[in-house]
Amino acid sequence: MNRYEQITYKGHHINIYYDDCPESPREWSNLGTFYTAHRRYRPEKEFDEHFDFDEVCDGRPGNIRKSFLQKHVALNLFLYDHSGLSISSGPFSCRWDSGWFGIVAVSVEQVKKEYGWKVLTQSRRKKIEEYLQNEIDTYNEYLHGEVYGFQVTPEDDDTEILDSCWGFFGDDGLDQLKSECQAYIDDRIAEDNRQKQAEYLCTFGLELPFPEFALSTN
């Protein structure tokens, strides 16, 4: 495993690794669907099997028609293919190795059904667009290998794995990972202290200090 970072915390190591076999975020239960038009890369659905280009775009790729947006919430997908893949909802600066990739979209009817809304207001549409943007960002992190896991071990023995978990995406995932590991270590230390106290009481009983004076009232 390729280690990303090691953190020492209260007598423990938090060993953070790159996740070598992450699950594609497009396998999750997502709100949007990726409809892509590329001969080699198809992370989810084929654009041409679901939409006619002129139904979606007005004149050129990336200009989504207002009539389409009346029935869907959608963002463009652009792909950059150079020494690895990147996707974005906006075009890349290098036009030679990048271009329009498709759309991520969800129907207005599906959104209203999912959230129990009767009307999709502009503020609600903006909220859904933010969700779709998060789906794009997460998939981009997946393409970049920005997926992590951890192993918590004693500070003096990295072979003794106390806890582990995988599938944390991006910077937000790293922050969550570190927070969860620290909470686990804090709970473990507190539990060890409770057990030691219980063992002490079981062995020695509850003794008052200076027992020879305990019954003295003078």
N, C-alpha and C. Protein backbone atom coordinates (compact mmCIF):
# COMPACT_ATOMS: atom_id res chain seq x y z
N MET A 1 0.84 -1.20 0.00
CA MET A 1 0.00 0.00 0.00
C MET A 1 0.87 1.25 0.00
N ASN A 2 0.39 2.26 -0.67
CA ASN A 2 1.12 3.52 -0.77
C ASN A 2 0.61 4.49 0.30
N ARG A 3 1.47 4.77 1.28
CA ARG A 3 1.02 5.62 2.39
C ARG A 3 1.03 7.09 1.99
N TYR A 4 -0.04 7.77 2.34
CA TYR A 4 -0.18 9.20 2.06
C TYR A 4 0.33 10.05 3.22
N GLU A 5 0.04 9.62 4.45
CA GLU A 5 0.42 10.41 5.62
C GLU A 5 0.34 9.53 6.86
N GLN A 6 1.21 9.83 7.84
CA GLN A 6 1.14 9.18 9.15
C GLN A 6 1.01 10.26 10.22
N ILE A 7 0.02 10.10 11.08
CA ILE A 7 -0.24 11.05 12.16
C ILE A 7 -0.08 10.32 13.49
N THR A 8 0.68 10.90 14.40
CA THR A 8 0.81 10.36 15.75
C THR A 8 -0.16 11.09 16.67
N TYR A 9 -1.00 10.30 17.35
CA TYR A 9 -2.05 10.90 18.18
C TYR A 9 -2.26 10.06 19.43
N LYS A 10 -1.88 10.59 20.58
CA LYS A 10 -2.13 9.97 21.89
C LYS A 10 -1.67 8.52 21.94
N GLY A 11 -0.42 8.29 21.53
CA GLY A 11 0.14 6.95 21.61
C GLY A 11 -0.27 6.02 20.50
N HIS A 12 -0.88 6.55 19.46
CA HIS A 12 -1.34 5.74 18.32
C HIS A 12 -0.84 6.36 17.02
N HIS A 13 -0.80 5.54 16.00
CA HIS A 13 -0.55 6.02 14.64
C HIS A 13 -1.86 5.98 13.84
N ILE A 14 -2.13 7.05 13.15
CA ILE A 14 -3.18 7.07 12.13
C ILE A 14 -2.46 7.02 10.79
N ASN A 15 -2.43 5.85 10.18
CA ASN A 15 -1.75 5.66 8.90
C ASN A 15 -2.78 5.81 7.78
N ILE A 16 -2.59 6.84 6.96
CA ILE A 16 -3.51 7.13 5.86
C ILE A 16 -2.88 6.66 4.56
N TYR A 17 -3.64 5.87 3.79
CA TYR A 17 -3.14 5.29 2.54
C TYR A 17 -4.04 5.71 1.38
N TYR A 18 -3.47 5.69 0.19
CA TYR A 18 -4.29 5.79 -1.01
C TYR A 18 -5.10 4.50 -1.15
N ASP A 19 -6.36 4.64 -1.49
CA ASP A 19 -7.22 3.48 -1.71
C ASP A 19 -6.95 2.93 -3.10
N ASP A 20 -6.36 1.74 -3.17
CA ASP A 20 -5.96 1.17 -4.46
C ASP A 20 -7.14 0.63 -5.26
N CYS A 21 -8.23 0.29 -4.60
CA CYS A 21 -9.37 -0.32 -5.30
C CYS A 21 -10.67 0.38 -4.89
N PRO A 22 -10.79 1.67 -5.15
CA PRO A 22 -12.01 2.37 -4.74
C PRO A 22 -13.19 2.01 -5.63
N GLU A 23 -14.37 2.08 -5.07
CA GLU A 23 -15.59 1.89 -5.84
C GLU A 23 -15.89 3.17 -6.61
N SER A 24 -16.30 3.01 -7.87
CA SER A 24 -16.66 4.18 -8.66
C SER A 24 -17.88 4.86 -8.05
N PRO A 25 -17.83 6.17 -7.87
CA PRO A 25 -19.00 6.88 -7.34
C PRO A 25 -20.24 6.74 -8.22
N ARG A 26 -20.05 6.41 -9.47
CA ARG A 26 -21.20 6.23 -10.36
C ARG A 26 -21.92 4.92 -10.10
N GLU A 27 -21.38 4.09 -9.21
CA GLU A 27 -22.06 2.88 -8.78
C GLU A 27 -22.97 3.16 -7.59
N TRP A 28 -22.88 4.36 -7.03
CA TRP A 28 -23.70 4.71 -5.87
C TRP A 28 -25.12 5.06 -6.31
N SER A 29 -25.97 5.28 -5.32
CA SER A 29 -27.33 5.75 -5.60
C SER A 29 -27.29 7.27 -5.73
N ASN A 30 -27.04 7.75 -6.93
CA ASN A 30 -26.87 9.18 -7.19
C ASN A 30 -28.19 9.82 -7.60
N LEU A 31 -28.26 11.12 -7.41
CA LEU A 31 -29.43 11.86 -7.87
C LEU A 31 -29.39 12.03 -9.37
N GLY A 32 -28.23 12.41 -9.91
CA GLY A 32 -28.09 12.63 -11.34
C GLY A 32 -27.55 11.41 -12.07
N THR A 33 -27.66 11.45 -13.37
CA THR A 33 -27.10 10.41 -14.24
C THR A 33 -26.15 11.05 -15.23
N PHE A 34 -24.99 10.43 -15.43
CA PHE A 34 -24.04 10.89 -16.44
C PHE A 34 -24.45 10.34 -17.80
N TYR A 35 -24.76 11.23 -18.73
CA TYR A 35 -25.04 10.85 -20.12
C TYR A 35 -23.88 11.37 -20.95
N THR A 36 -23.02 10.48 -21.41
CA THR A 36 -21.79 10.92 -22.06
C THR A 36 -21.70 10.43 -23.50
N ALA A 37 -21.01 11.25 -24.30
CA ALA A 37 -20.85 10.96 -25.73
C ALA A 37 -19.36 10.87 -26.04
N HIS A 38 -18.78 9.71 -25.82
CA HIS A 38 -17.36 9.51 -26.07
C HIS A 38 -17.15 8.05 -26.49
N ARG A 39 -16.29 7.84 -27.46
CA ARG A 39 -16.14 6.49 -28.00
C ARG A 39 -15.41 5.54 -27.05
N ARG A 40 -14.65 6.09 -26.08
CA ARG A 40 -13.89 5.20 -25.20
C ARG A 40 -14.36 5.23 -23.74
N TYR A 41 -14.82 6.37 -23.28
CA TYR A 41 -15.15 6.51 -21.86
C TYR A 41 -16.66 6.61 -21.69
N ARG A 42 -17.19 5.69 -20.90
CA ARG A 42 -18.62 5.71 -20.63
C ARG A 42 -18.84 5.34 -19.16
N PRO A 43 -18.77 6.32 -18.27
CA PRO A 43 -18.91 6.00 -16.84
C PRO A 43 -20.30 5.56 -16.44
N GLU A 44 -21.32 5.88 -17.25
CA GLU A 44 -22.67 5.51 -16.84
C GLU A 44 -23.57 5.22 -18.05
N LYS A 45 -24.19 6.24 -18.65
CA LYS A 45 -25.14 6.04 -19.74
C LYS A 45 -24.62 6.67 -21.03
N GLU A 46 -25.00 6.06 -22.15
CA GLU A 46 -24.64 6.59 -23.47
C GLU A 46 -25.62 7.71 -23.84
N PHE A 47 -25.08 8.87 -24.14
CA PHE A 47 -25.91 10.04 -24.44
C PHE A 47 -26.88 9.76 -25.59
N ASP A 48 -26.36 9.21 -26.68
CA ASP A 48 -27.16 9.04 -27.89
C ASP A 48 -28.28 8.03 -27.72
N GLU A 49 -28.19 7.18 -26.70
CA GLU A 49 -29.24 6.19 -26.48
C GLU A 49 -30.43 6.78 -25.72
N HIS A 50 -30.26 7.99 -25.19
CA HIS A 50 -31.32 8.58 -24.37
C HIS A 50 -31.81 9.93 -24.90
N PHE A 51 -30.95 10.64 -25.61
CA PHE A 51 -31.31 11.98 -26.07
C PHE A 51 -30.84 12.20 -27.51
N ASP A 52 -31.57 13.05 -28.19
CA ASP A 52 -31.10 13.59 -29.46
C ASP A 52 -30.31 14.86 -29.16
N PHE A 53 -29.18 15.03 -29.83
CA PHE A 53 -28.31 16.17 -29.53
C PHE A 53 -29.06 17.49 -29.65
N ASP A 54 -29.84 17.66 -30.70
CA ASP A 54 -30.55 18.92 -30.91
C ASP A 54 -31.64 19.15 -29.87
N GLU A 55 -32.08 18.09 -29.22
CA GLU A 55 -33.05 18.22 -28.13
C GLU A 55 -32.41 18.88 -26.91
N VAL A 56 -31.11 18.60 -26.72
CA VAL A 56 -30.41 19.05 -25.51
C VAL A 56 -29.67 20.36 -25.75
N CYS A 57 -28.94 20.44 -26.85
CA CYS A 57 -28.05 21.58 -27.08
C CYS A 57 -28.54 22.46 -28.23
N ASP A 58 -28.29 23.73 -28.08
CA ASP A 58 -28.71 24.71 -29.07
C ASP A 58 -27.51 25.14 -29.91
N GLY A 59 -27.32 24.48 -31.02
CA GLY A 59 -26.26 24.90 -31.95
C GLY A 59 -24.94 24.20 -31.75
N ARG A 60 -24.38 24.24 -30.57
CA ARG A 60 -23.07 23.63 -30.35
C ARG A 60 -23.03 22.95 -28.98
N PRO A 61 -22.13 21.99 -28.79
CA PRO A 61 -22.03 21.29 -27.51
C PRO A 61 -21.79 22.27 -26.35
N GLY A 62 -22.54 22.09 -25.29
CA GLY A 62 -22.39 22.94 -24.11
C GLY A 62 -23.45 24.00 -23.96
N ASN A 63 -24.14 24.34 -25.05
CA ASN A 63 -25.24 25.31 -24.97
C ASN A 63 -26.55 24.55 -24.74
N ILE A 64 -26.90 24.34 -23.48
CA ILE A 64 -28.09 23.55 -23.17
C ILE A 64 -29.33 24.40 -23.41
N ARG A 65 -30.29 23.84 -24.13
CA ARG A 65 -31.51 24.55 -24.48
C ARG A 65 -32.37 24.84 -23.24
N LYS A 66 -33.02 25.99 -23.24
CA LYS A 66 -33.96 26.33 -22.17
C LYS A 66 -35.13 25.35 -22.14
N SER A 67 -35.54 24.89 -23.31
CA SER A 67 -36.65 23.93 -23.36
C SER A 67 -36.27 22.62 -22.67
N PHE A 68 -35.00 22.22 -22.76
CA PHE A 68 -34.55 21.01 -22.08
C PHE A 68 -34.53 21.23 -20.57
N LEU A 69 -34.11 22.42 -20.16
CA LEU A 69 -34.02 22.72 -18.73
C LEU A 69 -35.39 22.93 -18.10
N GLN A 70 -36.43 23.08 -18.91
CA GLN A 70 -37.77 23.13 -18.35
C GLN A 70 -38.20 21.76 -17.83
N LYS A 71 -37.60 20.72 -18.38
CA LYS A 71 -37.95 19.35 -17.98
C LYS A 71 -36.86 18.65 -17.18
N HIS A 72 -35.66 19.26 -17.14
CA HIS A 72 -34.53 18.63 -16.46
C HIS A 72 -33.73 19.67 -15.68
N VAL A 73 -33.04 19.20 -14.66
CA VAL A 73 -31.95 19.95 -14.06
C VAL A 73 -30.68 19.31 -14.59
N ALA A 74 -29.82 20.11 -15.20
CA ALA A 74 -28.66 19.53 -15.89
C ALA A 74 -27.46 20.45 -15.84
N LEU A 75 -26.28 19.84 -15.83
CA LEU A 75 -25.02 20.55 -15.96
C LEU A 75 -24.21 19.89 -17.06
N ASN A 76 -23.39 20.70 -17.73
CA ASN A 76 -22.50 20.14 -18.74
C ASN A 76 -21.39 19.32 -18.10
N LEU A 77 -20.86 18.39 -18.87
CA LEU A 77 -19.66 17.64 -18.50
C LEU A 77 -18.60 17.88 -19.57
N PHE A 78 -17.42 18.30 -19.15
CA PHE A 78 -16.28 18.45 -20.04
C PHE A 78 -15.18 17.51 -19.58
N LEU A 79 -14.48 16.93 -20.54
CA LEU A 79 -13.42 15.95 -20.25
C LEU A 79 -12.08 16.49 -20.72
N TYR A 80 -11.07 16.34 -19.85
CA TYR A 80 -9.69 16.67 -20.20
C TYR A 80 -8.90 15.37 -20.17
N ASP A 81 -8.30 15.01 -21.29
CA ASP A 81 -7.61 13.73 -21.43
C ASP A 81 -6.15 13.99 -21.79
N HIS A 82 -5.32 14.04 -20.76
CA HIS A 82 -3.88 14.24 -20.97
C HIS A 82 -3.15 13.75 -19.73
N SER A 83 -2.42 12.65 -19.87
CA SER A 83 -1.72 12.03 -18.74
C SER A 83 -2.68 11.78 -17.59
N GLY A 84 -3.83 11.26 -17.91
CA GLY A 84 -4.89 11.06 -16.94
C GLY A 84 -6.14 11.81 -17.35
N LEU A 85 -7.23 11.54 -16.66
CA LEU A 85 -8.52 12.12 -17.00
C LEU A 85 -8.98 13.10 -15.92
N SER A 86 -9.66 14.16 -16.36
CA SER A 86 -10.31 15.10 -15.46
C SER A 86 -11.66 15.46 -16.05
N ILE A 87 -12.65 15.68 -15.19
CA ILE A 87 -13.94 16.16 -15.68
C ILE A 87 -14.33 17.42 -14.91
N SER A 88 -15.17 18.22 -15.54
CA SER A 88 -15.59 19.49 -14.96
C SER A 88 -16.93 19.88 -15.56
N SER A 89 -17.63 20.78 -14.87
CA SER A 89 -18.87 21.31 -15.44
C SER A 89 -18.61 22.50 -16.35
N GLY A 90 -17.36 22.96 -16.38
CA GLY A 90 -16.97 24.06 -17.27
C GLY A 90 -15.84 23.65 -18.18
N PRO A 91 -15.64 24.33 -19.29
CA PRO A 91 -14.59 23.95 -20.24
C PRO A 91 -13.20 24.15 -19.67
N PHE A 92 -12.26 23.32 -20.14
CA PHE A 92 -10.86 23.44 -19.75
C PHE A 92 -10.15 24.43 -20.67
N SER A 93 -9.05 24.97 -20.20
CA SER A 93 -8.32 25.99 -20.97
C SER A 93 -7.62 25.39 -22.18
N CYS A 94 -7.20 24.12 -22.09
CA CYS A 94 -6.53 23.47 -23.22
C CYS A 94 -7.56 22.84 -24.14
N ARG A 95 -7.79 23.44 -25.28
CA ARG A 95 -8.84 22.94 -26.17
C ARG A 95 -8.40 21.75 -27.00
N TRP A 96 -7.08 21.46 -27.03
CA TRP A 96 -6.61 20.35 -27.86
C TRP A 96 -6.89 19.00 -27.22
N ASP A 97 -6.77 18.93 -25.90
CA ASP A 97 -6.95 17.65 -25.21
C ASP A 97 -8.25 17.59 -24.41
N SER A 98 -9.15 18.50 -24.67
CA SER A 98 -10.39 18.53 -23.90
C SER A 98 -11.56 18.85 -24.81
N GLY A 99 -12.75 18.62 -24.28
CA GLY A 99 -13.94 18.92 -25.05
C GLY A 99 -15.19 18.54 -24.28
N TRP A 100 -16.32 18.81 -24.90
CA TRP A 100 -17.60 18.49 -24.30
C TRP A 100 -17.75 16.98 -24.19
N PHE A 101 -18.18 16.52 -23.02
CA PHE A 101 -18.24 15.09 -22.71
C PHE A 101 -19.67 14.58 -22.62
N GLY A 102 -20.61 15.50 -22.34
CA GLY A 102 -22.01 15.11 -22.16
C GLY A 102 -22.66 15.97 -21.09
N ILE A 103 -23.61 15.37 -20.38
CA ILE A 103 -24.31 16.10 -19.32
C ILE A 103 -24.53 15.18 -18.12
N VAL A 104 -24.71 15.80 -16.95
CA VAL A 104 -25.28 15.09 -15.80
C VAL A 104 -26.65 15.71 -15.60
N ALA A 105 -27.67 14.87 -15.51
CA ALA A 105 -29.04 15.40 -15.52
C ALA A 105 -29.96 14.54 -14.68
N VAL A 106 -31.03 15.17 -14.22
CA VAL A 106 -32.13 14.49 -13.54
C VAL A 106 -33.41 15.20 -13.96
N SER A 107 -34.47 14.46 -14.18
CA SER A 107 -35.71 15.08 -14.62
C SER A 107 -36.35 15.86 -13.48
N VAL A 108 -37.07 16.90 -13.85
CA VAL A 108 -37.78 17.71 -12.85
C VAL A 108 -38.80 16.85 -12.11
N GLU A 109 -39.47 15.96 -12.82
CA GLU A 109 -40.46 15.10 -12.19
C GLU A 109 -39.82 14.19 -11.15
N GLN A 110 -38.63 13.68 -11.46
CA GLN A 110 -37.94 12.81 -10.50
C GLN A 110 -37.52 13.60 -9.26
N VAL A 111 -37.06 14.83 -9.47
CA VAL A 111 -36.67 15.67 -8.33
C VAL A 111 -37.87 15.93 -7.43
N LYS A 112 -39.00 16.30 -8.01
CA LYS A 112 -40.19 16.59 -7.21
C LYS A 112 -40.66 15.35 -6.46
N LYS A 113 -40.56 14.20 -7.09
CA LYS A 113 -40.94 12.95 -6.44
C LYS A 113 -39.98 12.61 -5.31
N GLU A 114 -38.69 12.81 -5.55
CA GLU A 114 -37.65 12.47 -4.56
C GLU A 114 -37.79 13.31 -3.30
N TYR A 115 -38.12 14.60 -3.46
CA TYR A 115 -38.14 15.51 -2.32
C TYR A 115 -39.55 15.87 -1.85
N GLY A 116 -40.54 15.36 -2.53
CA GLY A 116 -41.91 15.67 -2.14
C GLY A 116 -42.32 17.10 -2.44
N TRP A 117 -41.72 17.67 -3.47
CA TRP A 117 -42.03 19.06 -3.85
C TRP A 117 -43.13 19.08 -4.92
N LYS A 118 -43.99 20.07 -4.82
CA LYS A 118 -44.99 20.27 -5.88
C LYS A 118 -44.46 21.18 -6.97
N VAL A 119 -43.56 22.10 -6.57
CA VAL A 119 -43.01 23.07 -7.52
C VAL A 119 -41.49 23.11 -7.35
N LEU A 120 -40.77 23.18 -8.46
CA LEU A 120 -39.32 23.34 -8.42
C LEU A 120 -39.01 24.82 -8.57
N THR A 121 -38.81 25.50 -7.46
CA THR A 121 -38.49 26.93 -7.49
C THR A 121 -37.04 27.12 -7.91
N GLN A 122 -36.67 28.38 -8.15
CA GLN A 122 -35.29 28.67 -8.55
C GLN A 122 -34.30 28.31 -7.45
N SER A 123 -34.66 28.58 -6.20
CA SER A 123 -33.75 28.24 -5.09
C SER A 123 -33.60 26.73 -4.97
N ARG A 124 -34.67 26.00 -5.21
CA ARG A 124 -34.59 24.54 -5.17
C ARG A 124 -33.77 24.00 -6.34
N ARG A 125 -33.95 24.60 -7.51
CA ARG A 125 -33.15 24.20 -8.67
C ARG A 125 -31.67 24.42 -8.38
N LYS A 126 -31.35 25.54 -7.77
CA LYS A 126 -29.95 25.83 -7.44
C LYS A 126 -29.39 24.77 -6.49
N LYS A 127 -30.21 24.35 -5.53
CA LYS A 127 -29.80 23.32 -4.58
C LYS A 127 -29.50 22.01 -5.32
N ILE A 128 -30.35 21.64 -6.26
CA ILE A 128 -30.13 20.41 -7.02
C ILE A 128 -28.89 20.53 -7.90
N GLU A 129 -28.68 21.70 -8.48
CA GLU A 129 -27.47 21.91 -9.28
C GLU A 129 -26.21 21.75 -8.43
N GLU A 130 -26.27 22.19 -7.18
CA GLU A 130 -25.13 22.01 -6.28
C GLU A 130 -24.89 20.54 -6.00
N TYR A 131 -25.96 19.75 -5.85
CA TYR A 131 -25.80 18.32 -5.67
C TYR A 131 -25.14 17.68 -6.89
N LEU A 132 -25.59 18.09 -8.08
CA LEU A 132 -25.00 17.55 -9.30
C LEU A 132 -23.53 17.94 -9.42
N GLN A 133 -23.21 19.17 -9.03
CA GLN A 133 -21.81 19.61 -9.05
C GLN A 133 -20.97 18.77 -8.09
N ASN A 134 -21.51 18.43 -6.94
CA ASN A 134 -20.80 17.57 -6.00
C ASN A 134 -20.54 16.19 -6.60
N GLU A 135 -21.50 15.69 -7.37
CA GLU A 135 -21.30 14.40 -8.03
C GLU A 135 -20.16 14.48 -9.05
N ILE A 136 -20.09 15.58 -9.77
CA ILE A 136 -18.99 15.78 -10.72
C ILE A 136 -17.66 15.84 -9.99
N ASP A 137 -17.61 16.63 -8.91
CA ASP A 137 -16.37 16.78 -8.16
C ASP A 137 -15.90 15.46 -7.57
N THR A 138 -16.84 14.67 -7.05
CA THR A 138 -16.47 13.38 -6.46
C THR A 138 -15.93 12.43 -7.51
N TYR A 139 -16.55 12.43 -8.69
CA TYR A 139 -16.05 11.55 -9.75
C TYR A 139 -14.68 12.02 -10.23
N ASN A 140 -14.45 13.31 -10.25
CA ASN A 140 -13.14 13.83 -10.63
C ASN A 140 -12.08 13.40 -9.63
N GLU A 141 -12.42 13.41 -8.34
CA GLU A 141 -11.49 12.91 -7.31
C GLU A 141 -11.19 11.44 -7.52
N TYR A 142 -12.20 10.69 -7.91
CA TYR A 142 -12.00 9.27 -8.22
C TYR A 142 -11.04 9.10 -9.39
N LEU A 143 -11.21 9.89 -10.45
CA LEU A 143 -10.32 9.80 -11.61
C LEU A 143 -8.89 10.17 -11.25
N HIS A 144 -8.72 11.09 -10.31
CA HIS A 144 -7.39 11.55 -9.91
C HIS A 144 -6.73 10.65 -8.87
N GLY A 145 -7.46 9.64 -8.38
CA GLY A 145 -6.90 8.79 -7.34
C GLY A 145 -6.90 9.43 -5.97
N GLU A 146 -7.75 10.44 -5.77
CA GLU A 146 -7.82 11.12 -4.48
C GLU A 146 -8.84 10.44 -3.58
N VAL A 147 -8.58 9.15 -3.34
CA VAL A 147 -9.44 8.33 -2.49
C VAL A 147 -8.53 7.66 -1.46
N TYR A 148 -8.98 7.64 -0.20
CA TYR A 148 -8.08 7.27 0.88
C TYR A 148 -8.73 6.27 1.84
N GLY A 149 -7.87 5.62 2.60
CA GLY A 149 -8.30 4.77 3.70
C GLY A 149 -7.34 4.92 4.85
N PHE A 150 -7.66 4.30 5.98
CA PHE A 150 -6.78 4.44 7.15
C PHE A 150 -6.65 3.13 7.90
N GLN A 151 -5.57 3.04 8.67
CA GLN A 151 -5.37 1.99 9.67
C GLN A 151 -4.89 2.68 10.95
N VAL A 152 -5.55 2.39 12.05
CA VAL A 152 -5.12 2.88 13.36
C VAL A 152 -4.33 1.77 14.04
N THR A 153 -3.13 2.09 14.51
CA THR A 153 -2.26 1.11 15.16
C THR A 153 -1.65 1.72 16.42
N PRO A 154 -1.13 0.86 17.33
CA PRO A 154 -0.32 1.42 18.42
C PRO A 154 0.90 2.13 17.85
N GLU A 155 1.36 3.15 18.53
CA GLU A 155 2.50 3.92 18.04
C GLU A 155 3.75 3.06 17.88
N ASP A 156 3.89 2.02 18.71
CA ASP A 156 5.10 1.20 18.68
C ASP A 156 4.96 -0.07 17.86
N ASP A 157 3.82 -0.26 17.17
CA ASP A 157 3.63 -1.49 16.38
C ASP A 157 2.61 -1.25 15.27
N ASP A 158 3.10 -0.91 14.08
CA ASP A 158 2.21 -0.63 12.96
C ASP A 158 1.61 -1.89 12.34
N THR A 159 2.02 -3.07 12.83
CA THR A 159 1.44 -4.31 12.31
C THR A 159 0.17 -4.70 13.06
N GLU A 160 -0.08 -4.11 14.21
CA GLU A 160 -1.28 -4.42 14.99
C GLU A 160 -2.38 -3.42 14.61
N ILE A 161 -3.26 -3.85 13.74
CA ILE A 161 -4.31 -2.95 13.23
C ILE A 161 -5.50 -2.97 14.18
N LEU A 162 -5.78 -1.84 14.78
CA LEU A 162 -6.89 -1.72 15.73
C LEU A 162 -8.19 -1.36 15.04
N ASP A 163 -8.11 -0.60 13.98
CA ASP A 163 -9.31 -0.19 13.24
C ASP A 163 -8.88 0.25 11.84
N SER A 164 -9.76 0.08 10.87
CA SER A 164 -9.45 0.50 9.50
C SER A 164 -10.75 0.75 8.74
N CYS A 165 -10.66 1.59 7.72
CA CYS A 165 -11.81 1.85 6.85
C CYS A 165 -11.29 2.51 5.58
N TRP A 166 -12.04 2.36 4.47
CA TRP A 166 -11.60 2.85 3.17
C TRP A 166 -12.73 3.58 2.47
N GLY A 167 -12.37 4.31 1.42
CA GLY A 167 -13.39 4.97 0.61
C GLY A 167 -13.69 6.40 1.01
N PHE A 168 -12.67 7.16 1.42
CA PHE A 168 -12.84 8.58 1.75
C PHE A 168 -12.34 9.40 0.56
N PHE A 169 -13.21 10.26 0.01
CA PHE A 169 -12.92 10.98 -1.22
C PHE A 169 -12.52 12.43 -0.95
N GLY A 170 -11.39 12.84 -1.55
CA GLY A 170 -10.99 14.24 -1.57
C GLY A 170 -10.60 14.82 -0.22
N ASP A 171 -10.44 16.15 -0.20
CA ASP A 171 -10.03 16.85 1.01
C ASP A 171 -11.07 16.72 2.12
N ASP A 172 -12.35 16.80 1.75
CA ASP A 172 -13.40 16.65 2.77
C ASP A 172 -13.35 15.26 3.37
N GLY A 173 -13.08 14.26 2.54
CA GLY A 173 -12.96 12.90 3.04
C GLY A 173 -11.79 12.73 3.98
N LEU A 174 -10.67 13.40 3.67
CA LEU A 174 -9.51 13.35 4.56
C LEU A 174 -9.83 13.97 5.92
N ASP A 175 -10.52 15.10 5.92
CA ASP A 175 -10.90 15.74 7.18
C ASP A 175 -11.81 14.83 7.99
N GLN A 176 -12.76 14.19 7.33
CA GLN A 176 -13.67 13.27 8.01
C GLN A 176 -12.90 12.07 8.56
N LEU A 177 -11.99 11.54 7.76
CA LEU A 177 -11.17 10.40 8.17
C LEU A 177 -10.40 10.71 9.45
N LYS A 178 -9.71 11.84 9.46
CA LYS A 178 -8.89 12.20 10.63
C LYS A 178 -9.76 12.40 11.86
N SER A 179 -10.90 13.04 11.68
CA SER A 179 -11.81 13.27 12.80
C SER A 179 -12.32 11.95 13.37
N GLU A 180 -12.69 11.01 12.49
CA GLU A 180 -13.19 9.72 12.95
C GLU A 180 -12.11 8.92 13.67
N CYS A 181 -10.88 8.98 13.16
CA CYS A 181 -9.78 8.25 13.80
C CYS A 181 -9.49 8.81 15.19
N GLN A 182 -9.46 10.12 15.32
CA GLN A 182 -9.19 10.73 16.62
C GLN A 182 -10.30 10.39 17.61
N ALA A 183 -11.55 10.40 17.15
CA ALA A 183 -12.67 10.04 18.03
C ALA A 183 -12.56 8.58 18.46
N TYR A 184 -12.16 7.70 17.53
CA TYR A 184 -11.99 6.29 17.87
C TYR A 184 -10.91 6.11 18.93
N ILE A 185 -9.78 6.80 18.77
CA ILE A 185 -8.68 6.69 19.73
C ILE A 185 -9.11 7.24 21.09
N ASP A 186 -9.80 8.38 21.10
CA ASP A 186 -10.28 8.95 22.36
C ASP A 186 -11.20 7.97 23.07
N ASP A 187 -12.13 7.35 22.33
CA ASP A 187 -13.05 6.38 22.93
C ASP A 187 -12.30 5.16 23.44
N ARG A 188 -11.30 4.72 22.70
CA ARG A 188 -10.52 3.55 23.10
C ARG A 188 -9.76 3.83 24.40
N ILE A 189 -9.15 5.00 24.49
CA ILE A 189 -8.41 5.36 25.70
C ILE A 189 -9.37 5.46 26.89
N ALA A 190 -10.52 6.08 26.69
CA ALA A 190 -11.50 6.20 27.77
C ALA A 190 -11.98 4.83 28.23
N GLU A 191 -12.21 3.92 27.29
CA GLU A 191 -12.65 2.57 27.64
C GLU A 191 -11.56 1.82 28.39
N ASP A 192 -10.31 1.95 27.95
CA ASP A 192 -9.18 1.32 28.66
C ASP A 192 -9.10 1.84 30.09
N ASN A 193 -9.28 3.13 30.29
CA ASN A 193 -9.24 3.70 31.64
C ASN A 193 -10.37 3.17 32.51
N ARG A 194 -11.57 3.01 31.92
CA ARG A 194 -12.70 2.46 32.68
C ARG A 194 -12.42 1.02 33.09
N GLN A 195 -11.84 0.24 32.17
CA GLN A 195 -11.53 -1.14 32.49
C GLN A 195 -10.48 -1.24 33.58
N LYS A 196 -9.45 -0.40 33.52
CA LYS A 196 -8.40 -0.41 34.54
C LYS A 196 -8.98 -0.03 35.91
N GLN A 197 -9.87 0.94 35.92
CA GLN A 197 -10.49 1.34 37.18
C GLN A 197 -11.35 0.22 37.74
N ALA A 198 -12.10 -0.46 36.86
CA ALA A 198 -12.94 -1.57 37.31
C ALA A 198 -12.09 -2.71 37.85
N GLU A 199 -10.97 -3.02 37.18
CA GLU A 199 -10.08 -4.08 37.65
C GLU A 199 -9.46 -3.72 39.00
N TYR A 200 -9.11 -2.46 39.18
CA TYR A 200 -8.53 -2.02 40.45
C TYR A 200 -9.54 -2.18 41.58
N LEU A 201 -10.77 -1.75 41.33
CA LEU A 201 -11.80 -1.86 42.36
C LEU A 201 -12.12 -3.30 42.68
N CYS A 202 -12.08 -4.16 41.65
CA CYS A 202 -12.34 -5.58 41.86
C CYS A 202 -11.25 -6.21 42.71
N THR A 203 -10.02 -5.75 42.53
CA THR A 203 -8.88 -6.32 43.25
C THR A 203 -8.75 -5.76 44.66
N PHE A 204 -8.86 -4.47 44.80
CA PHE A 204 -8.56 -3.83 46.08
C PHE A 204 -9.81 -3.33 46.82
N GLY A 205 -10.93 -3.27 46.13
CA GLY A 205 -12.12 -2.74 46.76
C GLY A 205 -12.07 -1.24 46.88
N LEU A 206 -13.16 -0.68 47.36
CA LEU A 206 -13.25 0.77 47.54
C LEU A 206 -12.73 1.10 48.93
N GLU A 207 -11.51 1.62 49.02
CA GLU A 207 -10.88 1.92 50.30
C GLU A 207 -10.83 3.43 50.52
N LEU A 208 -11.15 3.83 51.76
CA LEU A 208 -10.98 5.23 52.12
C LEU A 208 -9.53 5.48 52.50
N PRO A 209 -8.98 6.62 52.22
CA PRO A 209 -7.62 6.92 52.65
C PRO A 209 -7.54 7.02 54.16
N PHE A 210 -6.41 6.61 54.74
CA PHE A 210 -6.18 6.66 56.18
C PHE A 210 -7.31 5.98 56.96
N PRO A 211 -7.52 4.67 56.75
CA PRO A 211 -8.66 3.98 57.38
C PRO A 211 -8.62 4.01 58.90
N GLU A 212 -7.42 4.16 59.49
CA GLU A 212 -7.35 4.16 60.95
C GLU A 212 -8.04 5.38 61.56
N PHE A 213 -8.26 6.41 60.75
CA PHE A 213 -8.93 7.61 61.25
C PHE A 213 -10.40 7.70 60.80
N ALA A 214 -10.82 6.68 60.02
CA ALA A 214 -12.15 6.79 59.41
C ALA A 214 -13.26 6.87 60.44
N LEU A 215 -13.08 6.15 61.61
CA LEU A 215 -14.15 6.12 62.60
C LEU A 215 -13.93 7.10 63.74
N SER A 216 -12.85 7.86 63.67
CA SER A 216 -12.53 8.79 64.75
C SER A 216 -13.34 10.06 64.61
N THR A 217 -13.93 10.49 65.70
CA THR A 217 -14.70 11.74 65.69
C THR A 217 -14.06 12.80 66.56
N ASN A 218 -12.94 12.49 67.20
CA ASN A 218 -12.25 13.45 68.09
C ASN A 218 -11.02 14.02 67.41
